[in-house]
Structure formats: structure tokens, C-alpha cells
Amino acid sequence: MIVKCQTFKATSHHPTATARHAYLEKEGRAVGGVSTQNINDNDRWYAEMDRTSASYHLRGSVVGREFVLSPSAEDGATPEQVRDFAHEWLERNFPTAEAAVVIHCDNKERTARGLEPIPHAHVYVNAPDLEAGKKITLSNTRVRELHDSAQELSRARGWSEQERYFDRESGKVRTIESKRTEYERRPKWQRIAERTNPDYDASAARKAGVGRMEYEQAKKGREFEKTRVRRCLKEARDEVIADRSKNLADALKERGVAVARAKGGDYKYRIEGSRRSFKGATLGEQFERGRLAASIKAGREAALQANRGIDIGR
């Protein structure tokens, strides 16, 4: 079990639990919703955490910590098994803290290499200790203990373990050698540079807002959900332009894509049976609600004038 820790402060990009929740639950990426510990309002866990932090008036800028618990691919863990593991780890290590567990299955690095994503848990722990009335602090020793605790729980489940920091027989701390491959140990900017595809930079896909990873996988014959939604949206748009009796929602439904209203007035699209949804603007500027409606209207007017034999070029 790989354990990664990230600290959030009042001066950081996500200065509150509310701000962090926006990322963790963005566009339906939270598999199976959010489960919590020591929280009354599960649906608005982030607001409750922020109220708790404000009521304690604790010193320091730390507002919360997030731990990513990720099993090995060989373990074959399901999202629910990872969730159960996260709560067991939480109960052992932070029993008197407010916490939220969010499961993700969107490993971009693995997907970019054509590998299946691994379900992993994002465990957000609020800063106050509800029982002690103090802020939770983490020393280097405590961080190592949290790592070793995850390995003990992994072993109990029959999952693979990482090397432990503490040698119980000698009572000493040992240095752990990274098990990541040479590729994985390289800085992220270098890994991205190695995947750079000159064809992509000169392609129409880049201008249309298609990401490099999506483009490269499409070249290998793999279609992402985002790619499929974009393709269906283009086909549906052309169909409603040609057939004025149809609307976009029906044309998309025939292609297995559901439409719903998103925050900010845009639409969001989801393949039926999938938990992931995509806002129109994230699919490309031309798919933002206003621009999409304008393009359909312009296309219908052009088709109507062409049918009447009017030269719209004059």
C-alpha cells in the first residue's frame, strides 16, 4: 500500500475543506460518492469541517491533510474494498478527527501508458482533534508510523506491502529504497516531455482542445469516454442541423449519451452507465452551451437558405 501525504494551509491553493471538495468531487469523479467519519451532514461534509475549524480558533495555517492510499495493481482491489481499507486505517490512526474518504479511478499516468487505472482513496483529515481540542500535528516519526500502519493492514488483507520504516527487532529506523521504475522516478515535466508528439502540436486536435494524452491514445486505437462524448456531440449537432424536427438531447440519447444542466449554465454530458460527466466547455470551446446553440442556429439558417436557392455569399 502506497501512502502519500499532502498538507493544505490557509495560504495554499485549497485553503478550506470546501475548496478541496470541489476538486475531489469534480465532474462525478468520486466513485460511489463520499463516506465520512465523525461527520453529521454527509452530503455537506466540507461545510461542517470548515465550521468546526472556525469554532476551535487554533493557531497555525494548516487547515487539513490529505492522504492518498493506493494498493498495487496486483492486489486487484475493488473501489469498495479500498474504501473499507481507508476507513479501517482512519479508525486506527485518526479516530477523533473529522474525515472524508473519496475513491478515484482516474490514474492519468497509467492511462497514458495504456494500463488500467487503480482505485485509490483520497482521505481528507480535518486539522482539529475533536477530543483534545488541539490541532493535529505530524512529526516525521508519525508520518513513518502512518506508512507502516497501512502496510500492516495490507498484510492482514493479503495485499502486497511496501517496505516498512521501523525495524521492530532492532528498534531502528531504516532507509527505504524506492520501488518505482526508472521511468516513474523521473520528474513529471521530463516524463511529459518524453511523451511529446510533434504530430500532435501540428494537428487540428490541439487547436480543437483535445489533450495530448487523449490524442496519443486515439492514435493507438483507444477511445476515451471524453473522445466518444465529443464524437457523439458532433454527430448529434450535424443531425439536428439537417433535421429541424429533432433536438440535441434526443439525438444524443440515441447515441447513448445523457444530457444534464451543469453549474454555471453550461450542459454536462455522460455516457449512459458511466459515472463520469464532461462539461461542454471542457470538450472544446465550440461545445460550450452558448456557442453550441449559436452554431446549430447558424447551421440551420444556412441550410434553409441553401434549400431556397439563396446565395448567402452575397
Protein backbone atom coordinates (compact mmCIF):
# COMPACT_ATOMS: atom_id res chain seq x y z
CA MET A 1 0.00 0.00 0.00
CA ILE A 2 1.48 3.30 -1.12
CA VAL A 3 0.79 6.19 1.28
CA LYS A 4 1.22 9.81 0.18
CA CYS A 5 0.52 12.85 2.34
CA GLN A 6 -0.31 16.41 1.29
CA THR A 7 -0.78 19.34 3.69
CA PHE A 8 -3.23 22.16 2.97
CA LYS A 9 -2.82 25.60 4.53
CA ALA A 10 -4.88 28.76 4.65
CA THR A 11 -2.37 30.23 2.17
CA SER A 12 -2.44 27.27 -0.26
CA HIS A 13 -4.43 26.70 -3.46
CA HIS A 14 -7.12 24.87 -1.45
CA PRO A 15 -7.37 26.93 1.78
CA THR A 16 -10.56 25.26 3.06
CA ALA A 17 -12.24 21.86 3.05
CA THR A 18 -14.91 23.40 0.79
CA ALA A 19 -12.27 24.34 -1.77
CA ARG A 20 -10.74 20.88 -1.65
CA HIS A 21 -14.12 19.17 -2.03
CA ALA A 22 -14.60 20.96 -5.36
CA TYR A 23 -11.54 19.09 -6.69
CA LEU A 24 -12.25 15.72 -5.07
CA GLU A 25 -15.82 15.55 -6.40
CA LYS A 26 -15.22 17.37 -9.68
CA GLU A 27 -17.33 16.15 -12.63
CA GLY A 28 -18.52 12.99 -10.89
CA ARG A 29 -15.03 11.57 -10.38
CA ALA A 30 -15.87 10.39 -6.82
CA VAL A 31 -16.68 6.71 -7.30
CA GLY A 32 -19.61 5.68 -5.11
CA GLY A 33 -19.92 9.11 -3.51
CA VAL A 34 -18.22 10.29 -0.31
CA SER A 35 -18.12 8.43 3.03
CA THR A 36 -17.18 10.20 6.26
CA GLN A 37 -16.05 9.81 9.85
CA ASN A 38 -17.31 11.95 12.79
CA ILE A 39 -19.48 13.97 10.40
CA ASN A 40 -23.23 14.60 10.84
CA ASP A 41 -24.07 16.02 7.40
CA ASN A 42 -22.51 13.56 4.97
CA ASP A 43 -23.63 15.48 1.86
CA ARG A 44 -22.04 18.73 3.07
CA TRP A 45 -19.09 17.27 4.97
CA TYR A 46 -16.80 20.06 3.79
CA ALA A 47 -19.02 22.83 5.20
CA GLU A 48 -19.19 21.03 8.54
CA MET A 49 -15.39 20.72 8.64
CA ASP A 50 -14.94 24.43 7.94
CA ARG A 51 -17.39 25.32 10.71
CA THR A 52 -15.50 23.07 13.12
CA SER A 53 -12.16 24.66 12.21
CA ALA A 54 -13.60 28.15 12.69
CA SER A 55 -15.02 27.28 16.11
CA TYR A 56 -11.72 25.98 17.50
CA HIS A 57 -9.65 29.12 16.74
CA LEU A 58 -6.44 27.10 16.53
CA ARG A 59 -3.03 28.57 15.78
CA GLY A 60 -1.11 27.93 12.62
CA SER A 61 -2.08 27.92 8.96
CA VAL A 62 -2.68 24.16 8.46
CA VAL A 63 -6.37 23.52 7.69
CA GLY A 64 -6.23 19.84 6.80
CA ARG A 65 -4.22 16.95 5.41
CA GLU A 66 -4.98 14.54 2.64
CA PHE A 67 -3.62 11.02 2.44
CA VAL A 68 -3.70 9.02 -0.78
CA LEU A 69 -3.88 5.28 -0.13
CA SER A 70 -3.15 3.27 -3.26
CA PRO A 71 -2.91 -0.54 -3.47
CA SER A 72 -0.76 -2.33 -6.01
CA ALA A 73 -2.26 -3.33 -9.36
CA GLU A 74 -1.57 -6.98 -8.49
CA ASP A 75 -3.92 -6.78 -5.49
CA GLY A 76 -6.94 -6.41 -7.76
CA ALA A 77 -8.72 -4.31 -5.12
CA THR A 78 -12.21 -3.00 -5.89
CA PRO A 79 -13.28 0.57 -5.07
CA GLU A 80 -15.39 -0.65 -2.13
CA GLN A 81 -12.52 -2.71 -0.74
CA VAL A 82 -10.25 0.33 -0.93
CA ARG A 83 -12.93 2.39 0.84
CA ASP A 84 -13.20 -0.21 3.65
CA PHE A 85 -9.41 -0.20 3.97
CA ALA A 86 -9.31 3.61 4.19
CA HIS A 87 -11.87 3.68 7.00
CA GLU A 88 -10.04 0.95 8.91
CA TRP A 89 -6.80 2.93 8.56
CA LEU A 90 -8.61 6.12 9.65
CA GLU A 91 -10.13 4.48 12.74
CA ARG A 92 -6.73 3.23 13.80
CA ASN A 93 -4.78 6.45 13.23
CA PHE A 94 -7.23 9.41 13.43
CA PRO A 95 -10.21 8.18 15.50
CA THR A 96 -11.01 11.63 16.96
CA ALA A 97 -10.81 13.64 13.74
CA GLU A 98 -13.35 14.61 11.12
CA ALA A 99 -12.50 12.89 7.86
CA ALA A 100 -13.87 12.20 4.38
CA VAL A 101 -12.99 9.31 2.06
CA VAL A 102 -13.24 9.78 -1.71
CA ILE A 103 -12.41 6.99 -4.16
CA HIS A 104 -10.90 7.85 -7.56
CA CYS A 105 -10.10 5.61 -10.52
CA ASP A 106 -8.51 8.19 -12.86
CA ASN A 107 -4.77 7.46 -12.85
CA LYS A 108 -3.56 9.62 -15.75
CA GLU A 109 -0.01 8.25 -15.71
CA ARG A 110 -1.19 4.64 -16.05
CA THR A 111 -3.80 5.51 -18.64
CA ALA A 112 -1.19 7.34 -20.71
CA ARG A 113 0.83 4.13 -20.84
CA GLY A 114 -2.16 2.01 -21.83
CA LEU A 115 -2.59 0.45 -18.37
CA GLU A 116 -5.79 0.00 -16.38
CA PRO A 117 -6.30 2.60 -13.61
CA ILE A 118 -6.06 1.54 -9.96
CA PRO A 119 -8.80 2.53 -7.49
CA HIS A 120 -7.27 4.64 -4.72
CA ALA A 121 -8.57 6.55 -1.72
CA HIS A 122 -8.20 10.27 -1.03
CA VAL A 123 -8.57 10.61 2.73
CA TYR A 124 -9.09 14.24 3.80
CA VAL A 125 -8.49 14.73 7.56
CA ASN A 126 -9.58 17.99 9.18
CA ALA A 127 -6.98 19.76 11.33
CA PRO A 128 -8.71 19.85 14.77
CA ASP A 129 -8.59 16.90 17.17
CA LEU A 130 -12.19 16.80 18.43
CA GLU A 131 -11.26 15.17 21.74
CA ALA A 132 -8.05 17.01 22.65
CA GLY A 133 -9.24 20.39 21.37
CA LYS A 134 -5.89 20.90 19.67
CA LYS A 135 -4.59 20.87 16.14
CA ILE A 136 -3.32 17.52 14.88
CA THR A 137 0.43 17.66 14.28
CA LEU A 138 2.53 15.23 12.26
CA SER A 139 6.20 14.68 13.00
CA ASN A 140 8.48 12.73 10.66
CA THR A 141 8.21 9.79 13.05
CA ARG A 142 4.41 9.95 12.98
CA VAL A 143 4.36 10.01 9.17
CA ARG A 144 6.50 6.86 9.13
CA GLU A 145 4.14 5.22 11.61
CA LEU A 146 1.17 6.02 9.35
CA HIS A 147 3.00 4.37 6.45
CA ASP A 148 3.80 1.25 8.45
CA SER A 149 0.25 1.07 9.77
CA ALA A 150 -1.03 0.85 6.18
CA GLN A 151 1.39 -1.99 5.47
CA GLU A 152 0.18 -3.94 8.49
CA LEU A 153 -3.43 -3.58 7.37
CA SER A 154 -2.47 -4.57 3.81
CA ARG A 155 -0.79 -7.71 5.08
CA ALA A 156 -3.90 -8.64 7.08
CA ARG A 157 -5.93 -8.43 3.85
CA GLY A 158 -3.44 -10.44 1.85
CA TRP A 159 -2.42 -7.42 -0.21
CA SER A 160 1.15 -6.57 -1.16
CA GLU A 161 3.23 -4.49 1.26
CA GLN A 162 5.79 -1.75 0.91
CA GLU A 163 8.97 -1.95 2.95
CA ARG A 164 8.47 -0.62 6.47
CA TYR A 165 10.35 2.26 8.05
CA PHE A 166 10.65 0.73 11.51
CA ASP A 167 12.62 -2.42 12.18
CA ARG A 168 10.84 -3.71 15.29
CA GLU A 169 13.58 -6.21 16.14
CA SER A 170 16.39 -3.66 16.24
CA GLY A 171 14.22 -0.70 17.19
CA LYS A 172 15.84 1.38 14.45
CA VAL A 173 14.58 3.37 11.52
CA ARG A 174 15.81 2.17 8.15
CA THR A 175 16.01 3.92 4.79
CA ILE A 176 13.51 2.67 2.23
CA GLU A 177 14.69 2.22 -1.31
CA SER A 178 12.13 3.36 -3.87
CA LYS A 179 10.50 0.51 -5.82
CA ARG A 180 9.41 2.80 -8.61
CA THR A 181 10.84 2.18 -12.06
CA GLU A 182 13.42 4.49 -13.58
CA TYR A 183 10.63 5.99 -15.70
CA GLU A 184 8.43 6.69 -12.67
CA ARG A 185 11.29 8.31 -10.72
CA ARG A 186 11.82 10.97 -13.37
CA PRO A 187 10.29 14.42 -12.77
CA LYS A 188 6.80 14.84 -14.17
CA TRP A 189 7.92 17.54 -16.61
CA GLN A 190 10.51 15.12 -18.03
CA ARG A 191 8.00 12.28 -18.38
CA ILE A 192 5.63 14.61 -20.23
CA ALA A 193 8.45 15.82 -22.47
CA GLU A 194 9.33 12.23 -23.37
CA ARG A 195 5.76 11.66 -24.50
CA THR A 196 5.78 14.79 -26.64
CA ASN A 197 4.41 14.06 -30.07
CA PRO A 198 5.36 16.61 -32.77
CA ASP A 199 2.39 15.42 -34.84
CA TYR A 200 0.06 16.48 -32.05
CA ASP A 201 1.47 20.02 -31.89
CA ALA A 202 0.77 20.49 -35.59
CA SER A 203 -2.61 18.72 -35.57
CA ALA A 204 -6.14 20.08 -35.68
CA ALA A 205 -6.81 18.15 -32.47
CA ARG A 206 -4.63 20.51 -30.47
CA LYS A 207 -6.48 23.53 -31.85
CA ALA A 208 -9.81 21.84 -31.03
CA GLY A 209 -8.84 21.43 -27.38
CA VAL A 210 -8.11 17.69 -27.45
CA GLY A 211 -5.47 16.85 -24.82
CA ARG A 212 -2.15 15.26 -25.75
CA MET A 213 -2.89 12.08 -23.80
CA GLU A 214 -6.30 11.68 -25.44
CA TYR A 215 -4.75 12.26 -28.87
CA GLU A 216 -1.96 9.72 -28.35
CA GLN A 217 -4.36 7.04 -27.11
CA ALA A 218 -6.65 7.67 -30.09
CA LYS A 219 -3.67 7.07 -32.38
CA LYS A 220 -3.30 3.67 -30.70
CA GLY A 221 -6.94 2.86 -31.37
CA ARG A 222 -8.22 3.51 -27.85
CA GLU A 223 -11.17 5.82 -27.38
CA PHE A 224 -11.57 7.64 -24.06
CA GLU A 225 -15.06 8.38 -22.74
CA LYS A 226 -14.33 12.05 -23.39
CA THR A 227 -13.43 11.26 -27.01
CA ARG A 228 -16.64 9.29 -27.50
CA VAL A 229 -18.80 12.05 -25.99
CA ARG A 230 -17.15 14.64 -28.24
CA ARG A 231 -17.69 12.45 -31.31
CA CYS A 232 -21.35 11.81 -30.45
CA LEU A 233 -21.88 15.51 -29.81
CA LYS A 234 -20.52 16.41 -33.24
CA GLU A 235 -22.73 13.79 -34.91
CA ALA A 236 -25.80 14.92 -32.96
CA ARG A 237 -25.15 18.56 -33.78
CA ASP A 238 -24.93 17.80 -37.50
CA GLU A 239 -28.10 15.71 -37.30
CA VAL A 240 -30.23 18.41 -35.65
CA ILE A 241 -28.96 20.93 -38.19
CA ALA A 242 -30.08 18.66 -41.03
CA ASP A 243 -33.36 17.65 -39.35
CA ARG A 244 -35.13 20.59 -37.68
CA SER A 245 -37.71 18.28 -36.06
CA LYS A 246 -35.04 16.80 -33.78
CA ASN A 247 -33.48 18.27 -30.67
CA LEU A 248 -29.98 17.73 -29.37
CA ALA A 249 -30.94 15.75 -26.26
CA ASP A 250 -32.87 13.16 -28.29
CA ALA A 251 -30.10 12.85 -30.87
CA LEU A 252 -27.57 12.26 -28.10
CA LYS A 253 -29.82 9.77 -26.30
CA GLU A 254 -29.93 7.66 -29.48
CA ARG A 255 -26.15 7.52 -29.23
CA GLY A 256 -26.13 6.54 -25.55
CA VAL A 257 -25.23 9.96 -24.16
CA ALA A 258 -27.28 11.68 -21.42
CA VAL A 259 -27.51 15.47 -21.04
CA ALA A 260 -27.98 17.45 -17.80
CA ARG A 261 -27.67 21.05 -16.67
CA ALA A 262 -24.32 21.87 -15.03
CA LYS A 263 -23.35 24.66 -12.67
CA GLY A 264 -22.73 27.98 -14.37
CA GLY A 265 -25.38 27.42 -17.04
CA ASP A 266 -23.42 25.01 -19.24
CA TYR A 267 -24.54 21.48 -20.09
CA LYS A 268 -22.76 18.31 -19.00
CA TYR A 269 -22.69 15.05 -20.93
CA ARG A 270 -22.36 11.48 -19.66
CA ILE A 271 -22.24 8.11 -21.39
CA GLU A 272 -25.16 6.07 -20.06
CA GLY A 273 -23.92 3.65 -17.41
CA SER A 274 -20.82 5.71 -16.62
CA ARG A 275 -20.21 7.85 -13.54
CA ARG A 276 -18.07 10.40 -15.39
CA SER A 277 -19.55 13.51 -16.95
CA PHE A 278 -18.00 16.30 -19.00
CA LYS A 279 -18.99 19.94 -19.28
CA GLY A 280 -19.39 21.25 -22.78
CA ALA A 281 -16.59 23.78 -22.36
CA THR A 282 -14.13 21.04 -21.30
CA LEU A 283 -14.83 19.17 -24.54
CA GLY A 284 -13.84 22.22 -26.57
CA GLU A 285 -14.82 25.88 -26.83
CA GLN A 286 -17.26 25.10 -29.64
CA PHE A 287 -19.23 22.81 -27.32
CA GLU A 288 -19.89 25.42 -24.64
CA ARG A 289 -23.67 25.84 -24.35
CA GLY A 290 -23.90 29.29 -25.91
CA ARG A 291 -21.53 28.57 -28.79
CA LEU A 292 -23.14 25.19 -29.48
CA ALA A 293 -26.61 26.75 -29.68
CA ALA A 294 -25.28 29.52 -31.93
CA SER A 295 -23.60 27.03 -34.29
CA ILE A 296 -26.81 24.96 -34.56
CA LYS A 297 -28.86 28.09 -35.29
CA ALA A 298 -26.37 29.32 -37.89
CA GLY A 299 -26.20 25.87 -39.49
CA ARG A 300 -29.98 25.62 -39.76
CA GLU A 301 -30.27 29.10 -41.26
CA ALA A 302 -27.56 28.32 -43.82
CA ALA A 303 -29.28 25.04 -44.73
CA LEU A 304 -32.67 26.78 -45.02
CA GLN A 305 -31.29 29.48 -47.31
CA ALA A 306 -29.49 26.88 -49.42
CA ASN A 307 -32.73 24.94 -49.83
CA ARG A 308 -34.45 28.11 -51.01
CA GLY A 309 -31.74 28.66 -53.57
CA ILE A 310 -30.41 31.83 -51.91
CA ASP A 311 -26.74 32.63 -52.39
CA ILE A 312 -25.65 33.51 -48.86
CA GLY A 313 -22.29 34.63 -50.14
CA ARG A 314 -23.75 37.88 -51.49
